[in-house]
Structure formats: structure tokens, C-alpha cells
Amino acid sequence: MDLTPLVKRIQEGDWQAFEVLVEQYSGKALRTAYFITGSQGMAEDAVQEAFVQCYRKIKGLRDPASFEAWFSRLLTRICWRLPSREKGLFPSSPSSRGVKNMLLVTTL
């Protein structure tokens, strides 16, 4: 799915296009977040936070064609931070499952 025209519209200030982006991309984002976190609730939180950050930062995206990679990095970083917020601890090293998941997500 080519999101470039939609991203350009958002960058030009068409925030209804952002709603369309969320509708079209939230399923893929949720699957990715669930794959990383292993928790439906944490995945939903991560996706929500990722779209909030996306809304705030999308005008700074230089190449609209790279939206999917940009958003995936954003979402992945949020997913990695969520467990530390939930537990009040920052994991000293990622679990082997987390490393495998991250490697697979970056190839999507």
C-alpha cells in the first residue's frame, strides 16, 4: 500500500487524511506492536502513543515515501520502552525473544 500521497496531504495540513492513515495503518501497527510486546493491552498502548507522536512529528518527515520505515522505528522504540514503564525498571538486556522479534519487525 502506497501511503505517500496520504502522507503528503497530512504534511500540507489535511488532518482528515490523518484519520484515514490511522484507519488504514492501525491494523498493521497493532500486529507489529503485539509481536514485539506479546501483550494486547501493551500493543494497543504502544500504537496509540505512536500515532500521537506521528501526529506531532509528521511534518518533519523529509521523505513521505519512507513513512512506513519511519513509523516502524517510532513504534518499535515505544514498544521497547513500554515494559520499563509498566514494571518501573529498565531491562538491562533485551530477552532473546525480544531480539528475535525486533529483527523480524525490521524486515517487514
Protein backbone atom coordinates (compact mmCIF):
# COMPACT_ATOMS: atom_id res chain seq x y z
CA MET A 1 0.00 0.00 0.00
CA ASP A 2 1.50 3.33 -1.09
CA LEU A 3 0.92 5.87 1.65
CA THR A 4 2.99 8.64 0.03
CA PRO A 5 0.07 10.73 -1.31
CA LEU A 6 -1.73 10.44 2.01
CA VAL A 7 1.36 11.47 3.98
CA LYS A 8 1.89 14.48 1.70
CA ARG A 9 -1.71 15.57 2.30
CA ILE A 10 -1.16 15.29 6.06
CA GLN A 11 2.03 17.32 5.85
CA GLU A 12 0.09 20.01 3.99
CA GLY A 13 -2.36 20.23 6.90
CA ASP A 14 -5.15 17.87 5.83
CA TRP A 15 -5.84 16.27 9.20
CA GLN A 16 -8.78 14.28 7.83
CA ALA A 17 -6.12 12.46 5.82
CA PHE A 18 -4.51 11.60 9.16
CA GLU A 19 -7.73 9.89 10.22
CA VAL A 20 -7.63 7.86 7.01
CA LEU A 21 -3.99 6.95 7.69
CA VAL A 22 -4.86 5.73 11.18
CA GLU A 23 -7.74 3.64 9.83
CA GLN A 24 -5.62 2.11 7.07
CA TYR A 25 -2.43 1.54 9.05
CA SER A 26 -3.58 0.77 12.60
CA GLY A 27 -4.13 -2.95 11.94
CA LYS A 28 -0.57 -3.45 10.72
CA ALA A 29 0.76 -1.30 13.56
CA LEU A 30 -1.17 -3.31 16.14
CA ARG A 31 0.10 -6.62 14.77
CA THR A 32 3.67 -5.32 14.85
CA ALA A 33 3.32 -3.97 18.40
CA TYR A 34 1.73 -7.21 19.61
CA PHE A 35 4.55 -9.19 18.02
CA ILE A 36 7.11 -7.14 19.97
CA THR A 37 5.30 -6.84 23.31
CA GLY A 38 3.40 -10.12 23.45
CA SER A 39 0.53 -8.31 25.16
CA GLN A 40 -2.66 -7.00 23.56
CA GLY A 41 -3.00 -4.19 26.09
CA MET A 42 0.59 -3.05 25.78
CA ALA A 43 0.35 -3.26 21.99
CA GLU A 44 -2.74 -1.03 21.98
CA ASP A 45 -0.99 1.48 24.25
CA ALA A 46 2.09 1.49 22.01
CA VAL A 47 0.05 2.02 18.84
CA GLN A 48 -1.89 4.86 20.42
CA GLU A 49 1.30 6.55 21.58
CA ALA A 50 2.93 6.02 18.18
CA PHE A 51 0.06 7.71 16.37
CA VAL A 52 0.12 10.61 18.83
CA GLN A 53 3.84 11.08 18.19
CA CYS A 54 3.28 10.62 14.47
CA TYR A 55 0.66 13.38 14.52
CA ARG A 56 3.11 15.71 16.25
CA LYS A 57 6.16 14.90 14.12
CA ILE A 58 4.93 14.02 10.63
CA LYS A 59 5.54 17.49 9.22
CA GLY A 60 9.25 16.94 9.89
CA LEU A 61 9.36 13.75 7.82
CA ARG A 62 11.58 14.69 4.87
CA ASP A 63 10.67 11.86 2.54
CA PRO A 64 6.97 10.89 2.61
CA ALA A 65 7.83 7.70 0.71
CA SER A 66 9.77 6.50 3.77
CA PHE A 67 6.76 6.82 6.09
CA GLU A 68 6.45 3.09 6.81
CA ALA A 69 10.09 2.75 7.88
CA TRP A 70 9.88 5.96 9.91
CA PHE A 71 6.69 4.88 11.66
CA SER A 72 8.02 1.37 12.28
CA ARG A 73 11.09 2.79 14.05
CA LEU A 74 8.87 5.08 16.09
CA LEU A 75 6.56 2.23 17.08
CA THR A 76 9.41 -0.17 17.84
CA ARG A 77 11.10 2.31 20.17
CA ILE A 78 7.83 2.89 22.00
CA CYS A 79 7.28 -0.86 22.37
CA TRP A 80 10.74 -1.31 23.85
CA ARG A 81 10.09 1.45 26.40
CA LEU A 82 6.66 0.19 27.49
CA PRO A 83 7.80 -2.74 29.63
CA SER A 84 10.14 -0.49 31.56
CA ARG A 85 7.28 1.92 32.29
CA GLU A 86 4.97 -0.93 33.29
CA LYS A 87 7.44 -2.51 35.69
CA GLY A 88 9.22 0.65 36.81
CA LEU A 89 12.53 -0.88 35.68
CA PHE A 90 14.60 -0.59 32.58
CA PRO A 91 15.65 -4.04 31.38
CA SER A 92 19.42 -4.39 31.42
CA SER A 93 19.40 -6.59 28.33
CA PRO A 94 16.64 -7.50 25.91
CA SER A 95 15.31 -11.01 26.10
CA SER A 96 16.21 -13.40 23.32
CA ARG A 97 12.56 -13.36 22.24
CA GLY A 98 12.61 -9.56 22.08
CA VAL A 99 15.75 -9.55 19.95
CA LYS A 100 14.26 -12.08 17.54
CA ASN A 101 11.03 -10.07 17.36
CA MET A 102 12.87 -6.84 16.69
CA LEU A 103 14.87 -8.43 13.90
CA LEU A 104 11.71 -9.80 12.30
CA VAL A 105 9.84 -6.50 12.61
CA THR A 106 12.62 -4.54 10.96
CA THR A 107 12.37 -6.83 7.95
CA LEU A 108 8.60 -6.25 7.49
